[in-house]
Amino acid sequence: MATEPGADLDLALRALADPNRRAILAVVRNGPRPVGQIAEEVGLSQQTTSHHLGVLRTAGLASRATEGTRHLFAVNTDGLAAVRSYLDDFWPTKLAALKAAIESREDDRRGRL
């Protein structure tokens, strides 16, 4: 069964809606970390941290690698690409509106001189 277009984005946005998950991503953004270290840094139990990491992995925002017996988690930048692409689509419209407002203000100032 194929996923609907935007399903990955929906999963990612839902995952990012939780402040604990955003805190976890902030911890692992600089490199892979084991669950215990992540849990300690964000102030959650290992069980709760593991749950949130599972949600982040399902949403494509985190990845897991093994190093011996340790499971290391890191940010999956490919997963964040869908979110960034979605948010980037808002900027051209906003920037065009800002440009029009500035140009209008400049035209008004020239008219007063």
PDB file of N, CA and C in Angstrom:
ATOM      1  N   MET A   1       0.846  -1.182   0.000  1.00  0.00           N
ATOM      2  CA  MET A   1       0.000   0.000   0.000  1.00  0.00           C
ATOM      3  C   MET A   1       0.884   1.237   0.000  1.00  0.00           C
ATOM      4  N   ALA A   2       0.676   2.137  -0.918  1.00  0.00           N
ATOM      5  CA  ALA A   2       1.475   3.355  -1.028  1.00  0.00           C
ATOM      6  C   ALA A   2       1.009   4.364   0.006  1.00  0.00           C
ATOM      7  N   THR A   3       1.959   5.145   0.510  1.00  0.00           N
ATOM      8  CA  THR A   3       1.574   6.191   1.454  1.00  0.00           C
ATOM      9  C   THR A   3       1.047   7.391   0.685  1.00  0.00           C
ATOM     10  N   GLU A   4       0.169   8.111   1.317  1.00  0.00           N
ATOM     11  CA  GLU A   4      -0.390   9.302   0.690  1.00  0.00           C
ATOM     12  C   GLU A   4       0.682  10.377   0.592  1.00  0.00           C
ATOM     13  N   PRO A   5       0.602  11.218  -0.451  1.00  0.00           N
ATOM     14  CA  PRO A   5       1.526  12.347  -0.493  1.00  0.00           C
ATOM     15  C   PRO A   5       1.323  13.195   0.757  1.00  0.00           C
ATOM     16  N   GLY A   6       2.392  13.600   1.360  1.00  0.00           N
ATOM     17  CA  GLY A   6       2.301  14.411   2.562  1.00  0.00           C
ATOM     18  C   GLY A   6       2.204  13.611   3.844  1.00  0.00           C
ATOM     19  N   ALA A   7       2.058  12.288   3.743  1.00  0.00           N
ATOM     20  CA  ALA A   7       1.966  11.461   4.946  1.00  0.00           C
ATOM     21  C   ALA A   7       3.244  11.564   5.760  1.00  0.00           C
ATOM     22  N   ASP A   8       4.396  11.580   5.090  1.00  0.00           N
ATOM     23  CA  ASP A   8       5.670  11.727   5.797  1.00  0.00           C
ATOM     24  C   ASP A   8       5.732  13.081   6.494  1.00  0.00           C
ATOM     25  N   LEU A   9       5.270  14.100   5.823  1.00  0.00           N
ATOM     26  CA  LEU A   9       5.250  15.432   6.410  1.00  0.00           C
ATOM     27  C   LEU A   9       4.341  15.462   7.632  1.00  0.00           C
ATOM     28  N   ASP A  10       3.171  14.850   7.525  1.00  0.00           N
ATOM     29  CA  ASP A  10       2.240  14.819   8.653  1.00  0.00           C
ATOM     30  C   ASP A  10       2.858  14.115   9.852  1.00  0.00           C
ATOM     31  N   LEU A  11       3.516  12.983   9.615  1.00  0.00           N
ATOM     32  CA  LEU A  11       4.181  12.269  10.702  1.00  0.00           C
ATOM     33  C   LEU A  11       5.272  13.125  11.330  1.00  0.00           C
ATOM     34  N   ALA A  12       6.037  13.791  10.496  1.00  0.00           N
ATOM     35  CA  ALA A  12       7.126  14.624  10.998  1.00  0.00           C
ATOM     36  C   ALA A  12       6.589  15.793  11.819  1.00  0.00           C
ATOM     37  N   LEU A  13       5.560  16.455  11.324  1.00  0.00           N
ATOM     38  CA  LEU A  13       5.004  17.592  12.055  1.00  0.00           C
ATOM     39  C   LEU A  13       4.384  17.157  13.383  1.00  0.00           C
ATOM     40  N   ARG A  14       3.708  16.011  13.378  1.00  0.00           N
ATOM     41  CA  ARG A  14       3.154  15.490  14.636  1.00  0.00           C
ATOM     42  C   ARG A  14       4.271  15.171  15.623  1.00  0.00           C
ATOM     43  N   ALA A  15       5.335  14.582  15.127  1.00  0.00           N
ATOM     44  CA  ALA A  15       6.461  14.247  15.998  1.00  0.00           C
ATOM     45  C   ALA A  15       7.094  15.514  16.571  1.00  0.00           C
ATOM     46  N   LEU A  16       7.240  16.532  15.747  1.00  0.00           N
ATOM     47  CA  LEU A  16       7.861  17.779  16.184  1.00  0.00           C
ATOM     48  C   LEU A  16       6.962  18.607  17.102  1.00  0.00           C
ATOM     49  N   ALA A  17       5.686  18.278  17.156  1.00  0.00           N
ATOM     50  CA  ALA A  17       4.759  19.017  18.008  1.00  0.00           C
ATOM     51  C   ALA A  17       5.047  18.796  19.494  1.00  0.00           C
ATOM     52  N   ASP A  18       5.733  17.715  19.821  1.00  0.00           N
ATOM     53  CA  ASP A  18       6.019  17.395  21.217  1.00  0.00           C
ATOM     54  C   ASP A  18       7.338  18.033  21.657  1.00  0.00           C
ATOM     55  N   PRO A  19       7.324  18.834  22.720  1.00  0.00           N
ATOM     56  CA  PRO A  19       8.558  19.492  23.157  1.00  0.00           C
ATOM     57  C   PRO A  19       9.652  18.521  23.595  1.00  0.00           C
ATOM     58  N   ASN A  20       9.277  17.369  24.135  1.00  0.00           N
ATOM     59  CA  ASN A  20      10.291  16.379  24.518  1.00  0.00           C
ATOM     60  C   ASN A  20      11.031  15.853  23.288  1.00  0.00           C
ATOM     61  N   ARG A  21      10.312  15.662  22.207  1.00  0.00           N
ATOM     62  CA  ARG A  21      10.951  15.170  20.979  1.00  0.00           C
ATOM     63  C   ARG A  21      11.869  16.226  20.380  1.00  0.00           C
ATOM     64  N   ARG A  22      11.450  17.481  20.443  1.00  0.00           N
ATOM     65  CA  ARG A  22      12.326  18.547  19.964  1.00  0.00           C
ATOM     66  C   ARG A  22      13.583  18.631  20.827  1.00  0.00           C
ATOM     67  N   ALA A  23      13.434  18.428  22.127  1.00  0.00           N
ATOM     68  CA  ALA A  23      14.597  18.431  23.027  1.00  0.00           C
ATOM     69  C   ALA A  23      15.534  17.273  22.699  1.00  0.00           C
ATOM     70  N   ILE A  24      14.971  16.122  22.402  1.00  0.00           N
ATOM     71  CA  ILE A  24      15.781  14.963  22.021  1.00  0.00           C
ATOM     72  C   ILE A  24      16.547  15.256  20.739  1.00  0.00           C
ATOM     73  N   LEU A  25      15.892  15.826  19.755  1.00  0.00           N
ATOM     74  CA  LEU A  25      16.578  16.172  18.502  1.00  0.00           C
ATOM     75  C   LEU A  25      17.700  17.177  18.747  1.00  0.00           C
ATOM     76  N   ALA A  26      17.485  18.102  19.663  1.00  0.00           N
ATOM     77  CA  ALA A  26      18.535  19.078  19.976  1.00  0.00           C
ATOM     78  C   ALA A  26      19.753  18.383  20.583  1.00  0.00           C
ATOM     79  N   VAL A  27      19.517  17.358  21.377  1.00  0.00           N
ATOM     80  CA  VAL A  27      20.620  16.617  21.998  1.00  0.00           C
ATOM     81  C   VAL A  27      21.410  15.836  20.955  1.00  0.00           C
ATOM     82  N   VAL A  28      20.725  15.224  20.010  1.00  0.00           N
ATOM     83  CA  VAL A  28      21.417  14.359  19.040  1.00  0.00           C
ATOM     84  C   VAL A  28      21.813  15.081  17.756  1.00  0.00           C
ATOM     85  N   ARG A  29      21.560  16.363  17.672  1.00  0.00           N
ATOM     86  CA  ARG A  29      21.876  17.079  16.435  1.00  0.00           C
ATOM     87  C   ARG A  29      23.378  17.144  16.154  1.00  0.00           C
ATOM     88  N   ASN A  30      24.205  17.097  17.201  1.00  0.00           N
ATOM     89  CA  ASN A  30      25.651  17.197  17.010  1.00  0.00           C
ATOM     90  C   ASN A  30      26.342  15.851  16.851  1.00  0.00           C
ATOM     91  N   GLY A  31      25.582  14.784  16.952  1.00  0.00           N
ATOM     92  CA  GLY A  31      26.177  13.472  16.763  1.00  0.00           C
ATOM     93  C   GLY A  31      25.392  12.405  17.495  1.00  0.00           C
ATOM     94  N   PRO A  32      25.635  11.157  17.130  1.00  0.00           N
ATOM     95  CA  PRO A  32      24.897  10.034  17.724  1.00  0.00           C
ATOM     96  C   PRO A  32      25.128   9.925  19.233  1.00  0.00           C
ATOM     97  N   ARG A  33      24.069   9.572  19.937  1.00  0.00           N
ATOM     98  CA  ARG A  33      24.127   9.399  21.388  1.00  0.00           C
ATOM     99  C   ARG A  33      23.346   8.156  21.786  1.00  0.00           C
ATOM    100  N   PRO A  34      23.766   7.497  22.853  1.00  0.00           N
ATOM    101  CA  PRO A  34      22.992   6.359  23.368  1.00  0.00           C
ATOM    102  C   PRO A  34      21.766   6.852  24.136  1.00  0.00           C
ATOM    103  N   VAL A  35      20.779   5.981  24.262  1.00  0.00           N
ATOM    104  CA  VAL A  35      19.514   6.336  24.907  1.00  0.00           C
ATOM    105  C   VAL A  35      19.736   6.877  26.312  1.00  0.00           C
ATOM    106  N   GLY A  36      20.586   6.220  27.094  1.00  0.00           N
ATOM    107  CA  GLY A  36      20.811   6.646  28.472  1.00  0.00           C
ATOM    108  C   GLY A  36      21.321   8.072  28.563  1.00  0.00           C
ATOM    109  N   GLN A  37      22.227   8.434  27.701  1.00  0.00           N
ATOM    110  CA  GLN A  37      22.772   9.793  27.708  1.00  0.00           C
ATOM    111  C   GLN A  37      21.712  10.801  27.276  1.00  0.00           C
ATOM    112  N   ILE A  38      20.939  10.432  26.257  1.00  0.00           N
ATOM    113  CA  ILE A  38      19.854  11.318  25.796  1.00  0.00           C
ATOM    114  C   ILE A  38      18.858  11.534  26.937  1.00  0.00           C
ATOM    115  N   ALA A  39      18.456  10.438  27.580  1.00  0.00           N
ATOM    116  CA  ALA A  39      17.481  10.516  28.671  1.00  0.00           C
ATOM    117  C   ALA A  39      17.981  11.427  29.784  1.00  0.00           C
ATOM    118  N   GLU A  40      19.247  11.282  30.131  1.00  0.00           N
ATOM    119  CA  GLU A  40      19.827  12.111  31.190  1.00  0.00           C
ATOM    120  C   GLU A  40      19.824  13.590  30.808  1.00  0.00           C
ATOM    121  N   GLU A  41      20.190  13.868  29.568  1.00  0.00           N
ATOM    122  CA  GLU A  41      20.274  15.271  29.135  1.00  0.00           C
ATOM    123  C   GLU A  41      18.914  15.955  29.025  1.00  0.00           C
ATOM    124  N   VAL A  42      17.882  15.197  28.672  1.00  0.00           N
ATOM    125  CA  VAL A  42      16.552  15.815  28.548  1.00  0.00           C
ATOM    126  C   VAL A  42      15.705  15.643  29.802  1.00  0.00           C
ATOM    127  N   GLY A  43      16.210  14.876  30.776  1.00  0.00           N
ATOM    128  CA  GLY A  43      15.494  14.718  32.035  1.00  0.00           C
ATOM    129  C   GLY A  43      14.293  13.800  31.974  1.00  0.00           C
ATOM    130  N   LEU A  44      14.370  12.780  31.127  1.00  0.00           N
ATOM    131  CA  LEU A  44      13.294  11.798  31.006  1.00  0.00           C
ATOM    132  C   LEU A  44      13.826  10.426  31.383  1.00  0.00           C
ATOM    133  N   SER A  45      12.920   9.509  31.671  1.00  0.00           N
ATOM    134  CA  SER A  45      13.347   8.128  31.915  1.00  0.00           C
ATOM    135  C   SER A  45      13.815   7.516  30.596  1.00  0.00           C
ATOM    136  N   GLN A  46      14.587   6.442  30.698  1.00  0.00           N
ATOM    137  CA  GLN A  46      15.029   5.771  29.472  1.00  0.00           C
ATOM    138  C   GLN A  46      13.849   5.198  28.705  1.00  0.00           C
ATOM    139  N   GLN A  47      12.864   4.688  29.416  1.00  0.00           N
ATOM    140  CA  GLN A  47      11.684   4.127  28.755  1.00  0.00           C
ATOM    141  C   GLN A  47      10.931   5.204  27.978  1.00  0.00           C
ATOM    142  N   THR A  48      10.725   6.358  28.588  1.00  0.00           N
ATOM    143  CA  THR A  48      10.024   7.456  27.911  1.00  0.00           C
ATOM    144  C   THR A  48      10.846   7.959  26.729  1.00  0.00           C
ATOM    145  N   THR A  49      12.153   8.074  26.938  1.00  0.00           N
ATOM    146  CA  THR A  49      13.040   8.524  25.857  1.00  0.00           C
ATOM    147  C   THR A  49      12.998   7.546  24.701  1.00  0.00           C
ATOM    148  N   SER A  50      13.018   6.250  24.995  1.00  0.00           N
ATOM    149  CA  SER A  50      12.942   5.226  23.942  1.00  0.00           C
ATOM    150  C   SER A  50      11.647   5.343  23.158  1.00  0.00           C
ATOM    151  N   HIS A  51      10.560   5.612  23.863  1.00  0.00           N
ATOM    152  CA  HIS A  51       9.266   5.789  23.182  1.00  0.00           C
ATOM    153  C   HIS A  51       9.350   6.975  22.209  1.00  0.00           C
ATOM    154  N   HIS A  52       9.845   8.106  22.692  1.00  0.00           N
ATOM    155  CA  HIS A  52       9.941   9.285  21.837  1.00  0.00           C
ATOM    156  C   HIS A  52      10.890   9.052  20.661  1.00  0.00           C
ATOM    157  N   LEU A  53      11.983   8.336  20.902  1.00  0.00           N
ATOM    158  CA  LEU A  53      12.901   8.016  19.806  1.00  0.00           C
ATOM    159  C   LEU A  53      12.215   7.138  18.764  1.00  0.00           C
ATOM    160  N   GLY A  54      11.352   6.234  19.206  1.00  0.00           N
ATOM    161  CA  GLY A  54      10.593   5.403  18.272  1.00  0.00           C
ATOM    162  C   GLY A  54       9.675   6.236  17.395  1.00  0.00           C
ATOM    163  N   VAL A  55       9.022   7.219  18.004  1.00  0.00           N
ATOM    164  CA  VAL A  55       8.149   8.119  17.236  1.00  0.00           C
ATOM    165  C   VAL A  55       8.976   8.913  16.233  1.00  0.00           C
ATOM    166  N   LEU A  56      10.128   9.424  16.680  1.00  0.00           N
ATOM    167  CA  LEU A  56      10.993  10.188  15.784  1.00  0.00           C
ATOM    168  C   LEU A  56      11.512   9.322  14.639  1.00  0.00           C
ATOM    169  N   ARG A  57      11.837   8.074  14.926  1.00  0.00           N
ATOM    170  CA  ARG A  57      12.311   7.166  13.872  1.00  0.00           C
ATOM    171  C   ARG A  57      11.186   6.860  12.881  1.00  0.00           C
ATOM    172  N   THR A  58       9.991   6.597  13.381  1.00  0.00           N
ATOM    173  CA  THR A  58       8.847   6.325  12.507  1.00  0.00           C
ATOM    174  C   THR A  58       8.564   7.518  11.595  1.00  0.00           C
ATOM    175  N   ALA A  59       8.749   8.718  12.131  1.00  0.00           N
ATOM    176  CA  ALA A  59       8.519   9.946  11.353  1.00  0.00           C
ATOM    177  C   ALA A  59       9.687  10.249  10.420  1.00  0.00           C
ATOM    178  N   GLY A  60      10.758   9.468  10.506  1.00  0.00           N
ATOM    179  CA  GLY A  60      11.916   9.693   9.643  1.00  0.00           C
ATOM    180  C   GLY A  60      12.822  10.818  10.110  1.00  0.00           C
ATOM    181  N   LEU A  61      12.687  11.232  11.365  1.00  0.00           N
ATOM    182  CA  LEU A  61      13.472  12.354  11.877  1.00  0.00           C
ATOM    183  C   LEU A  61      14.718  11.915  12.652  1.00  0.00           C
ATOM    184  N   ALA A  62      14.779  10.655  13.025  1.00  0.00           N
ATOM    185  CA  ALA A  62      15.936  10.135  13.750  1.00  0.00           C
ATOM    186  C   ALA A  62      16.304   8.782  13.175  1.00  0.00           C
ATOM    187  N   SER A  63      17.565   8.449  13.320  1.00  0.00           N
ATOM    188  CA  SER A  63      18.034   7.146  12.853  1.00  0.00           C
ATOM    189  C   SER A  63      18.764   6.448  13.998  1.00  0.00           C
ATOM    190  N   ARG A  64      18.871   5.127  13.876  1.00  0.00           N
ATOM    191  CA  ARG A  64      19.536   4.330  14.897  1.00  0.00           C
ATOM    192  C   ARG A  64      20.656   3.530  14.254  1.00  0.00           C
ATOM    193  N   ALA A  65      21.778   3.503  14.914  1.00  0.00           N
ATOM    194  CA  ALA A  65      22.906   2.681  14.490  1.00  0.00           C
ATOM    195  C   ALA A  65      23.377   1.897  15.706  1.00  0.00           C
ATOM    196  N   THR A  66      24.002   0.774  15.460  1.00  0.00           N
ATOM    197  CA  THR A  66      24.521  -0.003  16.575  1.00  0.00           C
ATOM    198  C   THR A  66      26.036   0.071  16.592  1.00  0.00           C
ATOM    199  N   GLU A  67      26.542   0.158  17.787  1.00  0.00           N
ATOM    200  CA  GLU A  67      27.987   0.160  18.022  1.00  0.00           C
ATOM    201  C   GLU A  67      28.223  -0.852  19.132  1.00  0.00           C
ATOM    202  N   GLY A  68      28.602  -2.051  18.745  1.00  0.00           N
ATOM    203  CA  GLY A  68      28.689  -3.126  19.732  1.00  0.00           C
ATOM    204  C   GLY A  68      27.302  -3.452  20.239  1.00  0.00           C
ATOM    205  N   THR A  69      27.102  -3.301  21.545  1.00  0.00           N
ATOM    206  CA  THR A  69      25.786  -3.572  22.133  1.00  0.00           C
ATOM    207  C   THR A  69      24.971  -2.300  22.332  1.00  0.00           C
ATOM    208  N   ARG A  70      25.550  -1.168  21.999  1.00  0.00           N
ATOM    209  CA  ARG A  70      24.851   0.112  22.187  1.00  0.00           C
ATOM    210  C   ARG A  70      24.076   0.511  20.942  1.00  0.00           C
ATOM    211  N   HIS A  71      22.934   1.108  21.193  1.00  0.00           N
ATOM    212  CA  HIS A  71      22.136   1.688  20.110  1.00  0.00           C
ATOM    213  C   HIS A  71      22.326   3.194  20.184  1.00  0.00           C
ATOM    214  N   LEU A  72      22.804   3.764  19.092  1.00  0.00           N
ATOM    215  CA  LEU A  72      23.066   5.198  19.031  1.00  0.00           C
ATOM    216  C   LEU A  72      22.037   5.863  18.125  1.00  0.00           C
ATOM    217  N   PHE A  73      21.552   6.997  18.574  1.00  0.00           N
ATOM    218  CA  PHE A  73      20.527   7.716  17.817  1.00  0.00           C
ATOM    219  C   PHE A  73      21.068   9.060  17.359  1.00  0.00           C
ATOM    220  N   ALA A  74      20.663   9.451  16.154  1.00  0.00           N
ATOM    221  CA  ALA A  74      21.105  10.708  15.563  1.00  0.00           C
ATOM    222  C   ALA A  74      19.958  11.312  14.757  1.00  0.00           C
ATOM    223  N   VAL A  75      20.098  12.571  14.430  1.00  0.00           N
ATOM    224  CA  VAL A  75      19.115  13.251  13.581  1.00  0.00           C
ATOM    225  C   VAL A  75      19.223  12.680  12.170  1.00  0.00           C
ATOM    226  N   ASN A  76      18.085  12.447  11.559  1.00  0.00           N
ATOM    227  CA  ASN A  76      18.039  12.038  10.159  1.00  0.00           C
ATOM    228  C   ASN A  76      17.704  13.296   9.353  1.00  0.00           C
ATOM    229  N   THR A  77      18.728  13.889   8.765  1.00  0.00           N
ATOM    230  CA  THR A  77      18.513  15.154   8.055  1.00  0.00           C
ATOM    231  C   THR A  77      17.616  14.986   6.835  1.00  0.00           C
ATOM    232  N   ASP A  78      17.574  13.789   6.260  1.00  0.00           N
ATOM    233  CA  ASP A  78      16.663  13.557   5.132  1.00  0.00           C
ATOM    234  C   ASP A  78      15.213  13.713   5.573  1.00  0.00           C
ATOM    235  N   GLY A  79      14.908  13.255   6.772  1.00  0.00           N
ATOM    236  CA  GLY A  79      13.547  13.384   7.301  1.00  0.00           C
ATOM    237  C   GLY A  79      13.172  14.830   7.543  1.00  0.00           C
ATOM    238  N   LEU A  80      14.139  15.611   7.947  1.00  0.00           N
ATOM    239  CA  LEU A  80      13.872  17.030   8.174  1.00  0.00           C
ATOM    240  C   LEU A  80      13.696  17.796   6.869  1.00  0.00           C
ATOM    241  N   ALA A  81      14.181  17.235   5.771  1.00  0.00           N
ATOM    242  CA  ALA A  81      14.086  17.910   4.471  1.00  0.00           C
ATOM    243  C   ALA A  81      12.630  18.144   4.068  1.00  0.00           C
ATOM    244  N   ALA A  82      11.753  17.189   4.340  1.00  0.00           N
ATOM    245  CA  ALA A  82      10.339  17.363   3.988  1.00  0.00           C
ATOM    246  C   ALA A  82       9.720  18.510   4.766  1.00  0.00           C
ATOM    247  N   VAL A  83      10.081  18.623   6.035  1.00  0.00           N
ATOM    248  CA  VAL A  83       9.558  19.711   6.860  1.00  0.00           C
ATOM    249  C   VAL A  83      10.109  21.044   6.362  1.00  0.00           C
ATOM    250  N   ARG A  84      11.394  21.070   6.089  1.00  0.00           N
ATOM    251  CA  ARG A  84      11.998  22.316   5.616  1.00  0.00           C
ATOM    252  C   ARG A  84      11.397  22.748   4.279  1.00  0.00           C
ATOM    253  N   SER A  85      11.216  21.805   3.378  1.00  0.00           N
ATOM    254  CA  SER A  85      10.633  22.119   2.077  1.00  0.00           C
ATOM    255  C   SER A  85       9.238  22.711   2.246  1.00  0.00           C
ATOM    256  N   TYR A  86       8.459  22.118   3.128  1.00  0.00           N
ATOM    257  CA  TYR A  86       7.109  22.622   3.394  1.00  0.00           C
ATOM    258  C   TYR A  86       7.161  24.046   3.921  1.00  0.00           C
ATOM    259  N   LEU A  87       8.018  24.297   4.899  1.00  0.00           N
ATOM    260  CA  LEU A  87       8.112  25.626   5.491  1.00  0.00           C
ATOM    261  C   LEU A  87       8.705  26.639   4.527  1.00  0.00           C
ATOM    262  N   ASP A  88       9.657  26.203   3.702  1.00  0.00           N
ATOM    263  CA  ASP A  88      10.269  27.113   2.720  1.00  0.00           C
ATOM    264  C   ASP A  88       9.252  27.638   1.718  1.00  0.00           C
ATOM    265  N   ASP A  89       8.196  26.864   1.466  1.00  0.00           N
ATOM    266  CA  ASP A  89       7.171  27.300   0.524  1.00  0.00           C
ATOM    267  C   ASP A  89       6.435  28.559   0.998  1.00  0.00           C
ATOM    268  N   PHE A  90       6.493  28.843   2.284  1.00  0.00           N
ATOM    269  CA  PHE A  90       5.817  30.028   2.801  1.00  0.00           C
ATOM    270  C   PHE A  90       6.608  31.300   2.556  1.00  0.00           C
ATOM    271  N   TRP A  91       7.918  31.190   2.451  1.00  0.00           N
ATOM    272  CA  TRP A  91       8.757  32.376   2.374  1.00  0.00           C
ATOM    273  C   TRP A  91       8.597  33.207   1.109  1.00  0.00           C
ATOM    274  N   PRO A  92       8.527  32.631  -0.071  1.00  0.00           N
ATOM    275  CA  PRO A  92       8.403  33.490  -1.263  1.00  0.00           C
ATOM    276  C   PRO A  92       7.205  34.438  -1.183  1.00  0.00           C
ATOM    277  N   THR A  93       6.082  33.959  -0.713  1.00  0.00           N
ATOM    278  CA  THR A  93       4.887  34.791  -0.595  1.00  0.00           C
ATOM    279  C   THR A  93       5.105  35.898   0.423  1.00  0.00           C
ATOM    280  N   LYS A  94       5.663  35.526   1.564  1.00  0.00           N
ATOM    281  CA  LYS A  94       5.904  36.512   2.614  1.00  0.00           C
ATOM    282  C   LYS A  94       6.945  37.541   2.181  1.00  0.00           C
ATOM    283  N   LEU A  95       7.990  37.084   1.522  1.00  0.00           N
ATOM    284  CA  LEU A  95       9.019  38.009   1.058  1.00  0.00           C
ATOM    285  C   LEU A  95       8.482  38.944  -0.019  1.00  0.00           C
ATOM    286  N   ALA A  96       7.634  38.429  -0.897  1.00  0.00           N
ATOM    287  CA  ALA A  96       7.035  39.275  -1.927  1.00  0.00           C
ATOM    288  C   ALA A  96       6.132  40.331  -1.287  1.00  0.00           C
ATOM    289  N   ALA A  97       5.381  39.943  -0.264  1.00  0.00           N
ATOM    290  CA  ALA A  97       4.514  40.896   0.429  1.00  0.00           C
ATOM    291  C   ALA A  97       5.346  41.951   1.149  1.00  0.00           C
ATOM    292  N   LEU A  98       6.452  41.536   1.758  1.00  0.00           N
ATOM    293  CA  LEU A  98       7.337  42.479   2.429  1.00  0.00           C
ATOM    294  C   LEU A  98       7.941  43.458   1.426  1.00  0.00           C
ATOM    295  N   LYS A  99       8.381  42.942   0.289  1.00  0.00           N
ATOM    296  CA  LYS A  99       8.953  43.800  -0.752  1.00  0.00           C
ATOM    297  C   LYS A  99       7.920  44.822  -1.220  1.00  0.00           C
ATOM    298  N   ALA A 100       6.693  44.369  -1.465  1.00  0.00           N
ATOM    299  CA  ALA A 100       5.634  45.279  -1.927  1.00  0.00           C
ATOM    300  C   ALA A 100       5.354  46.348  -0.876  1.00  0.00           C
ATOM    301  N   ALA A 101       5.345  45.975   0.405  1.00  0.00           N
ATOM    302  CA  ALA A 101       5.089  46.946   1.474  1.00  0.00           C
ATOM    303  C   ALA A 101       6.199  47.985   1.542  1.00  0.00           C
ATOM    304  N   ILE A 102       7.438  47.545   1.424  1.00  0.00           N
ATOM    305  CA  ILE A 102       8.573  48.476   1.464  1.00  0.00           C
ATOM    306  C   ILE A 102       8.551  49.408   0.261  1.00  0.00           C
ATOM    307  N   GLU A 103       8.295  48.843  -0.924  1.00  0.00           N
ATOM    308  CA  GLU A 103       8.241  49.678  -2.125  1.00  0.00           C
ATOM    309  C   GLU A 103       7.102  50.679  -2.039  1.00  0.00           C
ATOM    310  N   SER A 104       5.984  50.283  -1.496  1.00  0.00           N
ATOM    311  CA  SER A 104       4.848  51.184  -1.334  1.00  0.00           C
ATOM    312  C   SER A 104       5.207  52.316  -0.370  1.00  0.00           C
ATOM    313  N   ARG A 105       5.875  51.979   0.708  1.00  0.00           N
ATOM    314  CA  ARG A 105       6.296  52.985   1.679  1.00  0.00           C
ATOM    315  C   ARG A 105       7.296  53.960   1.048  1.00  0.00           C
ATOM    316  N   GLU A 106       8.218  53.423   0.255  1.00  0.00           N
ATOM    317  CA  GLU A 106       9.189  54.283  -0.431  1.00  0.00           C
ATOM    318  C   GLU A 106       8.489  55.203  -1.426  1.00  0.00           C
ATOM    319  N   ASP A 107       7.497  54.674  -2.161  1.00  0.00           N
ATOM    320  CA  ASP A 107       6.739  55.497  -3.101  1.00  0.00           C
ATOM    321  C   ASP A 107       6.001  56.613  -2.364  1.00  0.00           C
ATOM    322  N   ASP A 108       5.424  56.290  -1.179  1.00  0.00           N
ATOM    323  CA  ASP A 108       4.728  57.299  -0.399  1.00  0.00           C
ATOM    324  C   ASP A 108       5.699  58.401   0.056  1.00  0.00           C
ATOM    325  N   ARG A 109       6.876  58.012   0.461  1.00  0.00           N
ATOM    326  CA  ARG A 109       7.881  59.002   0.911  1.00  0.00           C
ATOM    327  C   ARG A 109       8.322  59.889  -0.237  1.00  0.00           C
ATOM    328  N   ARG A 110       8.504  59.309  -1.416  1.00  0.00           N
ATOM    329  CA  ARG A 110       8.905  60.102  -2.588  1.00  0.00           C
ATOM    330  C   ARG A 110       7.800  61.090  -2.954  1.00  0.00           C
ATOM    331  N   GLY A 111       6.567  60.681  -2.801  1.00  0.00           N
ATOM    332  CA  GLY A 111       5.442  61.555  -3.132  1.00  0.00           C
ATOM    333  C   GLY A 111       5.327  62.748  -2.192  1.00  0.00           C
ATOM    334  N   ARG A 112       5.833  62.610  -0.962  1.00  0.00           N
ATOM    335  CA  ARG A 112       5.764  63.693   0.015  1.00  0.00           C
ATOM    336  C   ARG A 112       6.889  64.697  -0.160  1.00  0.00           C
ATOM    337  N   LEU A 113       7.947  64.316  -0.841  1.00  0.00           N
ATOM    338  CA  LEU A 113       9.092  65.214  -1.005  1.00  0.00           C
ATOM    339  C   LEU A 113       8.874  66.280  -1.976  1.00  0.00           C
TER     340      LEU A 113
END
